[in-house]
């Protein structure tokens, strides 16, 4: 088996058939599609069963709801492929994505291969997006990848043995930033990373939906804090200071979007993790400017500013 594609699924029946039909269009036979029905209460489970009956490359695991991280780990645990990758159940793919990623991996003996994607909006916009990493002799610079490439497991083909080599698994209950955390963990193995400069995945942007990223609460903030603390405690060399700083800025920014924000928690985080001297020591961005406002003015004023400028600073 060349590639195992795991599809974590929870109540996405509205989009699931489009996702699975795009997988069905893949020509390769040395591939498996592992559908993880994570306790869905809509028609998702039935749709999964229909596709497993149509094509032997599909198999489904029906399990009680455990969250995104548990579903992703179930996909890894039940994979047989030399390489593994995730496909989110409300997205879809180009039919040659996995062949192209796998061929690049074999040609370079890479542990991770990454490509670009399209952000697909409900109003019909389709915007290409790809981070181009620094390279040397055809290989991605690992520091640059750690800095700019964490997250988005669905465009990263990963050698399955890298999980065992680094003793890496998804952390249960970390369902926001779980993709970033898994990349931080895997990068401890100093993997060989290559990139394909092509957009081969379609990422559906669903503003106002029930996804974690659109409905952040303090429960999710604590999950982001777990990832931040893990990164800070495991990448202690001074060369990683800017990466850790940027993660702190992202967390402070996310706090302003929490519906049940604990203002005291945010103020304490800003004081301990984002002193003004560290903000001014790094290049100023929209998010770091918001952090300065958070530190200087009452939190409710910062939330008002964010709401007013939301469409410019978050897409």
C-alpha atoms as a PDB file:
ATOM      1  CA  UNK A   1       0.000   0.000   0.000  1.00  0.00           C
ATOM      2  CA  UNK A   2       1.444   3.330  -1.091  1.00  0.00           C
ATOM      3  CA  UNK A   3      -0.811   5.872   0.579  1.00  0.00           C
ATOM      4  CA  UNK A   4      -3.434   5.817   3.341  1.00  0.00           C
ATOM      5  CA  UNK A   5      -5.893   8.729   3.295  1.00  0.00           C
ATOM      6  CA  UNK A   6      -7.867   9.155   6.505  1.00  0.00           C
ATOM      7  CA  UNK A   7     -11.099  11.165   6.461  1.00  0.00           C
ATOM      8  CA  UNK A   8     -12.269  12.273   9.939  1.00  0.00           C
ATOM      9  CA  UNK A   9     -16.046  12.786   9.762  1.00  0.00           C
ATOM     10  CA  UNK A  10     -18.488  14.368  12.156  1.00  0.00           C
ATOM     11  CA  UNK A  11     -21.890  15.540  10.920  1.00  0.00           C
ATOM     12  CA  UNK A  12     -20.746  16.772   7.510  1.00  0.00           C
ATOM     13  CA  UNK A  13     -23.342  14.956   5.397  1.00  0.00           C
ATOM     14  CA  UNK A  14     -24.067  18.178   3.501  1.00  0.00           C
ATOM     15  CA  UNK A  15     -20.584  18.117   1.950  1.00  0.00           C
ATOM     16  CA  UNK A  16     -19.449  14.526   2.420  1.00  0.00           C
ATOM     17  CA  UNK A  17     -20.506  13.107  -0.926  1.00  0.00           C
ATOM     18  CA  UNK A  18     -18.556  15.761  -2.823  1.00  0.00           C
ATOM     19  CA  UNK A  19     -15.494  14.905  -0.732  1.00  0.00           C
ATOM     20  CA  UNK A  20     -15.806  11.142  -1.216  1.00  0.00           C
ATOM     21  CA  UNK A  21     -16.621  11.437  -4.913  1.00  0.00           C
ATOM     22  CA  UNK A  22     -13.373  13.356  -5.381  1.00  0.00           C
ATOM     23  CA  UNK A  23     -11.528  10.484  -3.669  1.00  0.00           C
ATOM     24  CA  UNK A  24     -13.413   7.978  -5.820  1.00  0.00           C
ATOM     25  CA  UNK A  25     -11.981   9.711  -8.910  1.00  0.00           C
ATOM     26  CA  UNK A  26      -8.391   8.872  -7.857  1.00  0.00           C
ATOM     27  CA  UNK A  27      -6.992   6.385 -10.397  1.00  0.00           C
ATOM     28  CA  UNK A  28      -4.404   4.673  -8.203  1.00  0.00           C
ATOM     29  CA  UNK A  29      -5.317   1.267  -6.781  1.00  0.00           C
ATOM     30  CA  UNK A  30      -2.457   1.145  -4.252  1.00  0.00           C
ATOM     31  CA  UNK A  31      -4.285   3.530  -1.982  1.00  0.00           C
ATOM     32  CA  UNK A  32      -6.825   3.222   0.811  1.00  0.00           C
ATOM     33  CA  UNK A  33      -9.426   5.663   2.093  1.00  0.00           C
ATOM     34  CA  UNK A  34     -10.162   5.223   5.793  1.00  0.00           C
ATOM     35  CA  UNK A  35     -13.403   6.918   6.759  1.00  0.00           C
ATOM     36  CA  UNK A  36     -13.536   7.702  10.467  1.00  0.00           C
ATOM     37  CA  UNK A  37     -17.188   8.246  11.388  1.00  0.00           C
ATOM     38  CA  UNK A  38     -16.639   9.946  14.737  1.00  0.00           C
ATOM     39  CA  UNK A  39     -20.087   9.442  16.229  1.00  0.00           C
ATOM     40  CA  UNK A  40     -22.021  11.383  13.578  1.00  0.00           C
ATOM     41  CA  UNK A  41     -25.725  11.886  14.259  1.00  0.00           C
ATOM     42  CA  UNK A  42     -26.695  12.919  10.709  1.00  0.00           C
ATOM     43  CA  UNK A  43     -26.522  10.862   7.485  1.00  0.00           C
ATOM     44  CA  UNK A  44     -22.720  10.769   7.412  1.00  0.00           C
ATOM     45  CA  UNK A  45     -22.514   7.171   8.621  1.00  0.00           C
ATOM     46  CA  UNK A  46     -24.928   5.954   5.947  1.00  0.00           C
ATOM     47  CA  UNK A  47     -23.004   7.803   3.226  1.00  0.00           C
ATOM     48  CA  UNK A  48     -19.763   6.174   4.431  1.00  0.00           C
ATOM     49  CA  UNK A  49     -21.352   2.728   4.209  1.00  0.00           C
ATOM     50  CA  UNK A  50     -22.550   3.426   0.664  1.00  0.00           C
ATOM     51  CA  UNK A  51     -19.061   4.334  -0.531  1.00  0.00           C
ATOM     52  CA  UNK A  52     -17.451   1.288   1.098  1.00  0.00           C
ATOM     53  CA  UNK A  53     -19.924  -0.840  -0.844  1.00  0.00           C
ATOM     54  CA  UNK A  54     -19.048   0.925  -4.104  1.00  0.00           C
ATOM     55  CA  UNK A  55     -15.234   0.713  -3.976  1.00  0.00           C
ATOM     56  CA  UNK A  56     -13.003  -1.703  -2.081  1.00  0.00           C
ATOM     57  CA  UNK A  57     -10.448   1.052  -1.483  1.00  0.00           C
ATOM     58  CA  UNK A  58     -12.884   2.576   1.026  1.00  0.00           C
ATOM     59  CA  UNK A  59     -13.389   1.245   4.527  1.00  0.00           C
ATOM     60  CA  UNK A  60     -15.215   2.836   7.414  1.00  0.00           C
ATOM     61  CA  UNK A  61     -14.670   2.879  11.157  1.00  0.00           C
ATOM     62  CA  UNK A  62     -17.752   3.845  13.150  1.00  0.00           C
ATOM     63  CA  UNK A  63     -16.719   5.050  16.603  1.00  0.00           C
ATOM     64  CA  UNK A  64     -18.180   7.076  19.445  1.00  0.00           C
ATOM     65  CA  UNK A  65     -17.467  10.784  19.276  1.00  0.00           C
ATOM     66  CA  UNK A  66     -13.987  11.590  20.529  1.00  0.00           C
ATOM     67  CA  UNK A  67     -13.147  14.795  18.710  1.00  0.00           C
ATOM     68  CA  UNK A  68     -10.905  15.723  15.812  1.00  0.00           C
ATOM     69  CA  UNK A  69      -7.614  14.630  17.395  1.00  0.00           C
ATOM     70  CA  UNK A  70      -8.939  11.186  18.359  1.00  0.00           C
ATOM     71  CA  UNK A  71     -10.394  10.706  14.871  1.00  0.00           C
ATOM     72  CA  UNK A  72      -7.096  11.680  13.245  1.00  0.00           C
ATOM     73  CA  UNK A  73      -5.184   9.283  15.499  1.00  0.00           C
ATOM     74  CA  UNK A  74      -7.614   6.500  14.615  1.00  0.00           C
ATOM     75  CA  UNK A  75      -6.753   7.124  10.980  1.00  0.00           C
ATOM     76  CA  UNK A  76      -3.025   6.765  11.668  1.00  0.00           C
ATOM     77  CA  UNK A  77      -3.514   3.665  13.836  1.00  0.00           C
ATOM     78  CA  UNK A  78      -5.563   1.901  11.155  1.00  0.00           C
ATOM     79  CA  UNK A  79      -3.363   2.824   8.183  1.00  0.00           C
ATOM     80  CA  UNK A  80      -1.404   0.344   6.089  1.00  0.00           C
ATOM     81  CA  UNK A  81       0.238   2.782   3.695  1.00  0.00           C
ATOM     82  CA  UNK A  82       3.887   3.682   3.487  1.00  0.00           C
ATOM     83  CA  UNK A  83       2.710   7.306   3.665  1.00  0.00           C
ATOM     84  CA  UNK A  84      -0.343   8.832   5.352  1.00  0.00           C
ATOM     85  CA  UNK A  85      -2.367  11.993   4.854  1.00  0.00           C
ATOM     86  CA  UNK A  86      -5.634  13.535   6.069  1.00  0.00           C
ATOM     87  CA  UNK A  87      -8.541  14.730   3.937  1.00  0.00           C
ATOM     88  CA  UNK A  88     -11.140  16.793   5.793  1.00  0.00           C
ATOM     89  CA  UNK A  89     -14.686  15.658   5.086  1.00  0.00           C
ATOM     90  CA  UNK A  90     -16.009  19.035   3.911  1.00  0.00           C
ATOM     91  CA  UNK A  91     -13.161  19.552   1.424  1.00  0.00           C
ATOM     92  CA  UNK A  92     -12.261  17.923  -1.893  1.00  0.00           C
ATOM     93  CA  UNK A  93      -9.160  17.100  -3.896  1.00  0.00           C
ATOM     94  CA  UNK A  94      -7.651  17.101  -7.363  1.00  0.00           C
ATOM     95  CA  UNK A  95      -7.590  13.478  -8.614  1.00  0.00           C
ATOM     96  CA  UNK A  96      -3.797  13.368  -9.038  1.00  0.00           C
ATOM     97  CA  UNK A  97      -2.828  14.893  -5.684  1.00  0.00           C
ATOM     98  CA  UNK A  98      -1.765  11.671  -3.956  1.00  0.00           C
ATOM     99  CA  UNK A  99       0.112  10.286  -6.970  1.00  0.00           C
ATOM    100  CA  UNK A 100       2.043  13.523  -7.307  1.00  0.00           C
ATOM    101  CA  UNK A 101       2.851  13.734  -3.619  1.00  0.00           C
ATOM    102  CA  UNK A 102       3.888  10.080  -3.474  1.00  0.00           C
ATOM    103  CA  UNK A 103       6.020  10.281  -6.636  1.00  0.00           C
ATOM    104  CA  UNK A 104       7.843  13.309  -5.200  1.00  0.00           C
ATOM    105  CA  UNK A 105       8.403  11.450  -1.936  1.00  0.00           C
ATOM    106  CA  UNK A 106       9.887   8.413  -3.674  1.00  0.00           C
ATOM    107  CA  UNK A 107      12.018  10.477  -6.047  1.00  0.00           C
ATOM    108  CA  UNK A 108      13.660  12.317  -3.139  1.00  0.00           C
ATOM    109  CA  UNK A 109      13.265   9.774  -0.305  1.00  0.00           C
ATOM    110  CA  UNK A 110      11.370  12.494   1.556  1.00  0.00           C
ATOM    111  CA  UNK A 111       9.621  12.046   4.887  1.00  0.00           C
ATOM    112  CA  UNK A 112       7.155  14.874   4.260  1.00  0.00           C
ATOM    113  CA  UNK A 113       5.876  16.309   0.974  1.00  0.00           C
ATOM    114  CA  UNK A 114       3.747  19.450   0.961  1.00  0.00           C
ATOM    115  CA  UNK A 115       1.730  21.159  -1.774  1.00  0.00           C
ATOM    116  CA  UNK A 116      -0.593  24.161  -2.092  1.00  0.00           C
ATOM    117  CA  UNK A 117      -4.364  24.458  -2.076  1.00  0.00           C
ATOM    118  CA  UNK A 118      -7.343  26.593  -3.032  1.00  0.00           C
ATOM    119  CA  UNK A 119      -9.460  28.395  -0.442  1.00  0.00           C
ATOM    120  CA  UNK A 120     -13.041  27.855  -1.586  1.00  0.00           C
ATOM    121  CA  UNK A 121     -15.620  30.396  -0.428  1.00  0.00           C
ATOM    122  CA  UNK A 122     -19.388  30.102  -0.397  1.00  0.00           C
ATOM    123  CA  UNK A 123     -19.687  33.140  -2.681  1.00  0.00           C
ATOM    124  CA  UNK A 124     -17.815  31.256  -5.424  1.00  0.00           C
ATOM    125  CA  UNK A 125     -14.333  32.679  -4.925  1.00  0.00           C
ATOM    126  CA  UNK A 126     -11.510  30.176  -5.350  1.00  0.00           C
ATOM    127  CA  UNK A 127      -8.222  31.635  -4.143  1.00  0.00           C
ATOM    128  CA  UNK A 128      -4.919  29.769  -4.617  1.00  0.00           C
ATOM    129  CA  UNK A 129      -2.745  29.598  -1.522  1.00  0.00           C
ATOM    130  CA  UNK A 130       0.698  28.161  -0.985  1.00  0.00           C
ATOM    131  CA  UNK A 131       3.540  28.957   1.362  1.00  0.00           C
ATOM    132  CA  UNK A 132       6.803  28.709  -0.558  1.00  0.00           C
ATOM    133  CA  UNK A 133       9.538  27.587   1.800  1.00  0.00           C
ATOM    134  CA  UNK A 134      13.244  28.276   1.566  1.00  0.00           C
ATOM    135  CA  UNK A 135      15.134  25.459  -0.118  1.00  0.00           C
ATOM    136  CA  UNK A 136      18.677  24.182  -0.347  1.00  0.00           C
ATOM    137  CA  UNK A 137      19.615  21.486  -2.860  1.00  0.00           C
ATOM    138  CA  UNK A 138      15.936  20.759  -3.459  1.00  0.00           C
ATOM    139  CA  UNK A 139      15.098  20.242   0.218  1.00  0.00           C
ATOM    140  CA  UNK A 140      12.934  22.539   2.317  1.00  0.00           C
ATOM    141  CA  UNK A 141      14.725  24.346   5.133  1.00  0.00           C
ATOM    142  CA  UNK A 142      13.373  22.717   8.293  1.00  0.00           C
ATOM    143  CA  UNK A 143      13.459  25.917  10.364  1.00  0.00           C
ATOM    144  CA  UNK A 144      11.433  27.739   7.721  1.00  0.00           C
ATOM    145  CA  UNK A 145       9.004  24.828   7.598  1.00  0.00           C
ATOM    146  CA  UNK A 146       8.608  24.843  11.376  1.00  0.00           C
ATOM    147  CA  UNK A 147       8.089  28.605  11.281  1.00  0.00           C
ATOM    148  CA  UNK A 148       5.563  28.771   8.428  1.00  0.00           C
ATOM    149  CA  UNK A 149       4.375  25.227   7.724  1.00  0.00           C
ATOM    150  CA  UNK A 150       2.687  23.953  10.877  1.00  0.00           C
ATOM    151  CA  UNK A 151      -0.953  22.981  10.431  1.00  0.00           C
ATOM    152  CA  UNK A 152      -2.948  21.947   7.360  1.00  0.00           C
ATOM    153  CA  UNK A 153      -2.307  18.203   7.539  1.00  0.00           C
ATOM    154  CA  UNK A 154      -4.423  17.769   4.422  1.00  0.00           C
ATOM    155  CA  UNK A 155      -1.623  19.047   2.143  1.00  0.00           C
ATOM    156  CA  UNK A 156       1.173  17.097   3.860  1.00  0.00           C
ATOM    157  CA  UNK A 157       1.997  13.535   2.893  1.00  0.00           C
ATOM    158  CA  UNK A 158       3.911  12.010   5.810  1.00  0.00           C
ATOM    159  CA  UNK A 159       5.971   8.828   5.985  1.00  0.00           C
ATOM    160  CA  UNK A 160       4.074   6.670   8.455  1.00  0.00           C
ATOM    161  CA  UNK A 161       7.237   5.427  10.162  1.00  0.00           C
ATOM    162  CA  UNK A 162       8.027   9.036  11.169  1.00  0.00           C
ATOM    163  CA  UNK A 163       5.252   8.772  13.766  1.00  0.00           C
ATOM    164  CA  UNK A 164       6.909   5.790  15.457  1.00  0.00           C
ATOM    165  CA  UNK A 165      10.419   7.209  15.024  1.00  0.00           C
ATOM    166  CA  UNK A 166       9.448  10.356  16.941  1.00  0.00           C
ATOM    167  CA  UNK A 167       6.996   8.568  19.277  1.00  0.00           C
ATOM    168  CA  UNK A 168       4.344  10.982  18.021  1.00  0.00           C
ATOM    169  CA  UNK A 169       0.591  10.766  18.370  1.00  0.00           C
ATOM    170  CA  UNK A 170      -2.293  13.208  18.431  1.00  0.00           C
ATOM    171  CA  UNK A 171      -3.187  14.532  21.864  1.00  0.00           C
ATOM    172  CA  UNK A 172      -6.805  13.731  22.840  1.00  0.00           C
ATOM    173  CA  UNK A 173      -9.017  16.774  23.447  1.00  0.00           C
ATOM    174  CA  UNK A 174      -6.654  19.098  21.555  1.00  0.00           C
ATOM    175  CA  UNK A 175      -9.058  19.729  18.684  1.00  0.00           C
ATOM    176  CA  UNK A 176      -7.992  23.244  17.811  1.00  0.00           C
ATOM    177  CA  UNK A 177      -4.399  23.528  16.510  1.00  0.00           C
ATOM    178  CA  UNK A 178      -4.061  19.725  16.549  1.00  0.00           C
ATOM    179  CA  UNK A 179      -2.479  19.831  13.079  1.00  0.00           C
ATOM    180  CA  UNK A 180       0.114  22.372  14.199  1.00  0.00           C
ATOM    181  CA  UNK A 181       0.948  20.334  17.279  1.00  0.00           C
ATOM    182  CA  UNK A 182       1.466  17.138  15.278  1.00  0.00           C
ATOM    183  CA  UNK A 183       3.861  18.909  12.901  1.00  0.00           C
ATOM    184  CA  UNK A 184       5.819  20.372  15.822  1.00  0.00           C
ATOM    185  CA  UNK A 185       6.159  16.863  17.233  1.00  0.00           C
ATOM    186  CA  UNK A 186       7.159  15.247  13.929  1.00  0.00           C
ATOM    187  CA  UNK A 187       9.783  17.897  13.186  1.00  0.00           C
ATOM    188  CA  UNK A 188      11.791  16.677  16.187  1.00  0.00           C
ATOM    189  CA  UNK A 189      12.824  13.790  13.934  1.00  0.00           C
ATOM    190  CA  UNK A 190      14.617  16.207  11.561  1.00  0.00           C
ATOM    191  CA  UNK A 191      12.662  14.863   8.567  1.00  0.00           C
ATOM    192  CA  UNK A 192      13.546  15.403   4.937  1.00  0.00           C
ATOM    193  CA  UNK A 193      10.884  17.777   3.572  1.00  0.00           C
ATOM    194  CA  UNK A 194      10.176  18.654  -0.076  1.00  0.00           C
ATOM    195  CA  UNK A 195       7.522  20.819  -1.686  1.00  0.00           C
ATOM    196  CA  UNK A 196       5.446  20.621  -4.848  1.00  0.00           C
ATOM    197  CA  UNK A 197       4.660  24.058  -6.201  1.00  0.00           C
ATOM    198  CA  UNK A 198       1.112  23.255  -7.236  1.00  0.00           C
ATOM    199  CA  UNK A 199      -2.346  23.719  -5.720  1.00  0.00           C
ATOM    200  CA  UNK A 200      -3.964  20.295  -5.475  1.00  0.00           C
ATOM    201  CA  UNK A 201      -6.452  20.525  -2.583  1.00  0.00           C
ATOM    202  CA  UNK A 202      -9.703  22.453  -2.142  1.00  0.00           C
ATOM    203  CA  UNK A 203     -10.216  23.850   1.366  1.00  0.00           C
ATOM    204  CA  UNK A 204     -13.773  24.928   2.051  1.00  0.00           C
ATOM    205  CA  UNK A 205     -13.978  28.137   4.103  1.00  0.00           C
ATOM    206  CA  UNK A 206     -17.195  28.118   6.138  1.00  0.00           C
ATOM    207  CA  UNK A 207     -17.571  31.382   8.036  1.00  0.00           C
ATOM    208  CA  UNK A 208     -20.434  31.375  10.492  1.00  0.00           C
ATOM    209  CA  UNK A 209     -20.515  27.564  10.630  1.00  0.00           C
ATOM    210  CA  UNK A 210     -20.189  25.378  13.693  1.00  0.00           C
ATOM    211  CA  UNK A 211     -16.484  24.685  13.224  1.00  0.00           C
ATOM    212  CA  UNK A 212     -14.050  25.231  16.082  1.00  0.00           C
ATOM    213  CA  UNK A 213     -12.316  28.103  14.327  1.00  0.00           C
ATOM    214  CA  UNK A 214     -15.555  30.015  13.850  1.00  0.00           C
ATOM    215  CA  UNK A 215     -16.874  29.532  17.383  1.00  0.00           C
ATOM    216  CA  UNK A 216     -13.901  29.901  19.699  1.00  0.00           C
ATOM    217  CA  UNK A 217     -14.511  29.625  23.436  1.00  0.00           C
ATOM    218  CA  UNK A 218     -12.153  29.621  26.398  1.00  0.00           C
ATOM    219  CA  UNK A 219     -12.128  25.822  26.171  1.00  0.00           C
ATOM    220  CA  UNK A 220     -10.497  26.188  22.764  1.00  0.00           C
ATOM    221  CA  UNK A 221      -8.154  28.894  24.055  1.00  0.00           C
ATOM    222  CA  UNK A 222      -6.846  26.415  26.625  1.00  0.00           C
ATOM    223  CA  UNK A 223      -6.199  23.966  23.779  1.00  0.00           C
ATOM    224  CA  UNK A 224      -4.218  26.617  21.913  1.00  0.00           C
ATOM    225  CA  UNK A 225      -2.326  27.296  25.135  1.00  0.00           C
ATOM    226  CA  UNK A 226      -1.455  23.603  25.393  1.00  0.00           C
ATOM    227  CA  UNK A 227       0.125  23.718  21.922  1.00  0.00           C
ATOM    228  CA  UNK A 228       1.935  26.962  22.763  1.00  0.00           C
ATOM    229  CA  UNK A 229       3.320  25.543  26.017  1.00  0.00           C
ATOM    230  CA  UNK A 230       4.373  22.309  24.288  1.00  0.00           C
ATOM    231  CA  UNK A 231       6.262  24.261  21.629  1.00  0.00           C
ATOM    232  CA  UNK A 232       7.905  26.521  24.198  1.00  0.00           C
ATOM    233  CA  UNK A 233       8.971  23.582  26.399  1.00  0.00           C
ATOM    234  CA  UNK A 234      10.326  21.423  23.573  1.00  0.00           C
ATOM    235  CA  UNK A 235      12.046  23.989  21.344  1.00  0.00           C
ATOM    236  CA  UNK A 236      14.162  25.752  23.932  1.00  0.00           C
ATOM    237  CA  UNK A 237      17.065  26.888  21.756  1.00  0.00           C
ATOM    238  CA  UNK A 238      17.127  30.656  21.241  1.00  0.00           C
ATOM    239  CA  UNK A 239      16.831  30.243  17.455  1.00  0.00           C
ATOM    240  CA  UNK A 240      13.189  29.275  17.975  1.00  0.00           C
ATOM    241  CA  UNK A 241      12.310  32.418  19.948  1.00  0.00           C
ATOM    242  CA  UNK A 242      10.625  34.143  17.006  1.00  0.00           C
ATOM    243  CA  UNK A 243       8.465  31.082  16.258  1.00  0.00           C
ATOM    244  CA  UNK A 244       7.346  30.949  19.889  1.00  0.00           C
ATOM    245  CA  UNK A 245       6.684  34.702  19.884  1.00  0.00           C
ATOM    246  CA  UNK A 246       4.482  34.409  16.799  1.00  0.00           C
ATOM    247  CA  UNK A 247       2.548  31.584  18.415  1.00  0.00           C
ATOM    248  CA  UNK A 248       1.956  33.795  21.465  1.00  0.00           C
ATOM    249  CA  UNK A 249       0.691  36.609  19.233  1.00  0.00           C
ATOM    250  CA  UNK A 250      -1.708  34.194  17.508  1.00  0.00           C
ATOM    251  CA  UNK A 251      -3.032  33.018  20.877  1.00  0.00           C
ATOM    252  CA  UNK A 252      -3.582  36.558  22.158  1.00  0.00           C
ATOM    253  CA  UNK A 253      -5.406  37.407  18.934  1.00  0.00           C
ATOM    254  CA  UNK A 254      -7.581  34.288  19.225  1.00  0.00           C
ATOM    255  CA  UNK A 255      -8.550  35.283  22.765  1.00  0.00           C
ATOM    256  CA  UNK A 256     -10.310  38.387  21.449  1.00  0.00           C
ATOM    257  CA  UNK A 257     -12.533  36.126  19.329  1.00  0.00           C
ATOM    258  CA  UNK A 258     -13.545  33.920  22.290  1.00  0.00           C
ATOM    259  CA  UNK A 259     -17.239  34.311  23.020  1.00  0.00           C
ATOM    260  CA  UNK A 260     -16.730  33.772  26.746  1.00  0.00           C
ATOM    261  CA  UNK A 261     -13.395  35.536  27.090  1.00  0.00           C
ATOM    262  CA  UNK A 262     -11.811  35.504  30.521  1.00  0.00           C
ATOM    263  CA  UNK A 263     -10.242  38.978  30.500  1.00  0.00           C
ATOM    264  CA  UNK A 264      -8.103  38.240  33.548  1.00  0.00           C
ATOM    265  CA  UNK A 265      -6.645  35.183  31.810  1.00  0.00           C
ATOM    266  CA  UNK A 266      -5.762  37.229  28.748  1.00  0.00           C
ATOM    267  CA  UNK A 267      -4.171  40.032  30.781  1.00  0.00           C
ATOM    268  CA  UNK A 268      -2.070  37.495  32.686  1.00  0.00           C
ATOM    269  CA  UNK A 269      -0.962  35.837  29.430  1.00  0.00           C
ATOM    270  CA  UNK A 270      -0.026  39.178  27.882  1.00  0.00           C
ATOM    271  CA  UNK A 271       2.014  40.135  30.938  1.00  0.00           C
ATOM    272  CA  UNK A 272       3.949  36.864  31.177  1.00  0.00           C
ATOM    273  CA  UNK A 273       4.366  35.919  27.498  1.00  0.00           C
ATOM    274  CA  UNK A 274       4.224  39.165  25.520  1.00  0.00           C
ATOM    275  CA  UNK A 275       6.081  42.004  27.230  1.00  0.00           C
ATOM    276  CA  UNK A 276       6.195  45.145  25.105  1.00  0.00           C
ATOM    277  CA  UNK A 277       9.939  44.811  24.514  1.00  0.00           C
ATOM    278  CA  UNK A 278       9.400  41.425  22.823  1.00  0.00           C
ATOM    279  CA  UNK A 279       6.654  42.853  20.610  1.00  0.00           C
ATOM    280  CA  UNK A 280       8.809  45.769  19.459  1.00  0.00           C
ATOM    281  CA  UNK A 281      11.823  43.462  19.016  1.00  0.00           C
ATOM    282  CA  UNK A 282       9.911  41.627  16.283  1.00  0.00           C
ATOM    283  CA  UNK A 283       8.481  42.917  13.050  1.00  0.00           C
ATOM    284  CA  UNK A 284       5.161  44.652  13.663  1.00  0.00           C
ATOM    285  CA  UNK A 285       2.122  42.990  12.119  1.00  0.00           C
ATOM    286  CA  UNK A 286      -1.637  43.504  12.343  1.00  0.00           C
ATOM    287  CA  UNK A 287      -1.852  40.843  15.041  1.00  0.00           C
ATOM    288  CA  UNK A 288       1.046  42.179  17.096  1.00  0.00           C
ATOM    289  CA  UNK A 289      -0.467  45.670  16.831  1.00  0.00           C
ATOM    290  CA  UNK A 290      -3.637  44.204  18.316  1.00  0.00           C
ATOM    291  CA  UNK A 291      -1.538  42.766  21.148  1.00  0.00           C
ATOM    292  CA  UNK A 292      -0.230  46.270  21.929  1.00  0.00           C
ATOM    293  CA  UNK A 293      -3.820  47.556  22.005  1.00  0.00           C
ATOM    294  CA  UNK A 294      -4.808  44.665  24.289  1.00  0.00           C
ATOM    295  CA  UNK A 295      -1.999  45.548  26.704  1.00  0.00           C
ATOM    296  CA  UNK A 296      -2.719  49.280  26.635  1.00  0.00           C
ATOM    297  CA  UNK A 297      -6.505  49.559  26.678  1.00  0.00           C
ATOM    298  CA  UNK A 298      -9.403  47.703  28.339  1.00  0.00           C
ATOM    299  CA  UNK A 299     -10.118  44.345  26.727  1.00  0.00           C
ATOM    300  CA  UNK A 300     -13.628  45.322  25.645  1.00  0.00           C
ATOM    301  CA  UNK A 301     -12.132  48.206  23.639  1.00  0.00           C
ATOM    302  CA  UNK A 302      -9.747  45.773  21.917  1.00  0.00           C
ATOM    303  CA  UNK A 303     -12.679  43.515  21.063  1.00  0.00           C
ATOM    304  CA  UNK A 304     -14.515  46.486  19.560  1.00  0.00           C
ATOM    305  CA  UNK A 305     -11.476  47.347  17.418  1.00  0.00           C
ATOM    306  CA  UNK A 306     -11.155  43.737  16.272  1.00  0.00           C
ATOM    307  CA  UNK A 307     -14.833  43.533  15.374  1.00  0.00           C
ATOM    308  CA  UNK A 308     -14.558  46.745  13.363  1.00  0.00           C
ATOM    309  CA  UNK A 309     -11.455  45.589  11.481  1.00  0.00           C
ATOM    310  CA  UNK A 310     -12.273  41.853  11.381  1.00  0.00           C
ATOM    311  CA  UNK A 311     -12.626  41.543   7.618  1.00  0.00           C
ATOM    312  CA  UNK A 312      -9.187  43.114   7.135  1.00  0.00           C
ATOM    313  CA  UNK A 313      -7.194  41.124   9.710  1.00  0.00           C
ATOM    314  CA  UNK A 314      -8.839  37.689   9.486  1.00  0.00           C
ATOM    315  CA  UNK A 315      -9.894  35.810   6.367  1.00  0.00           C
END
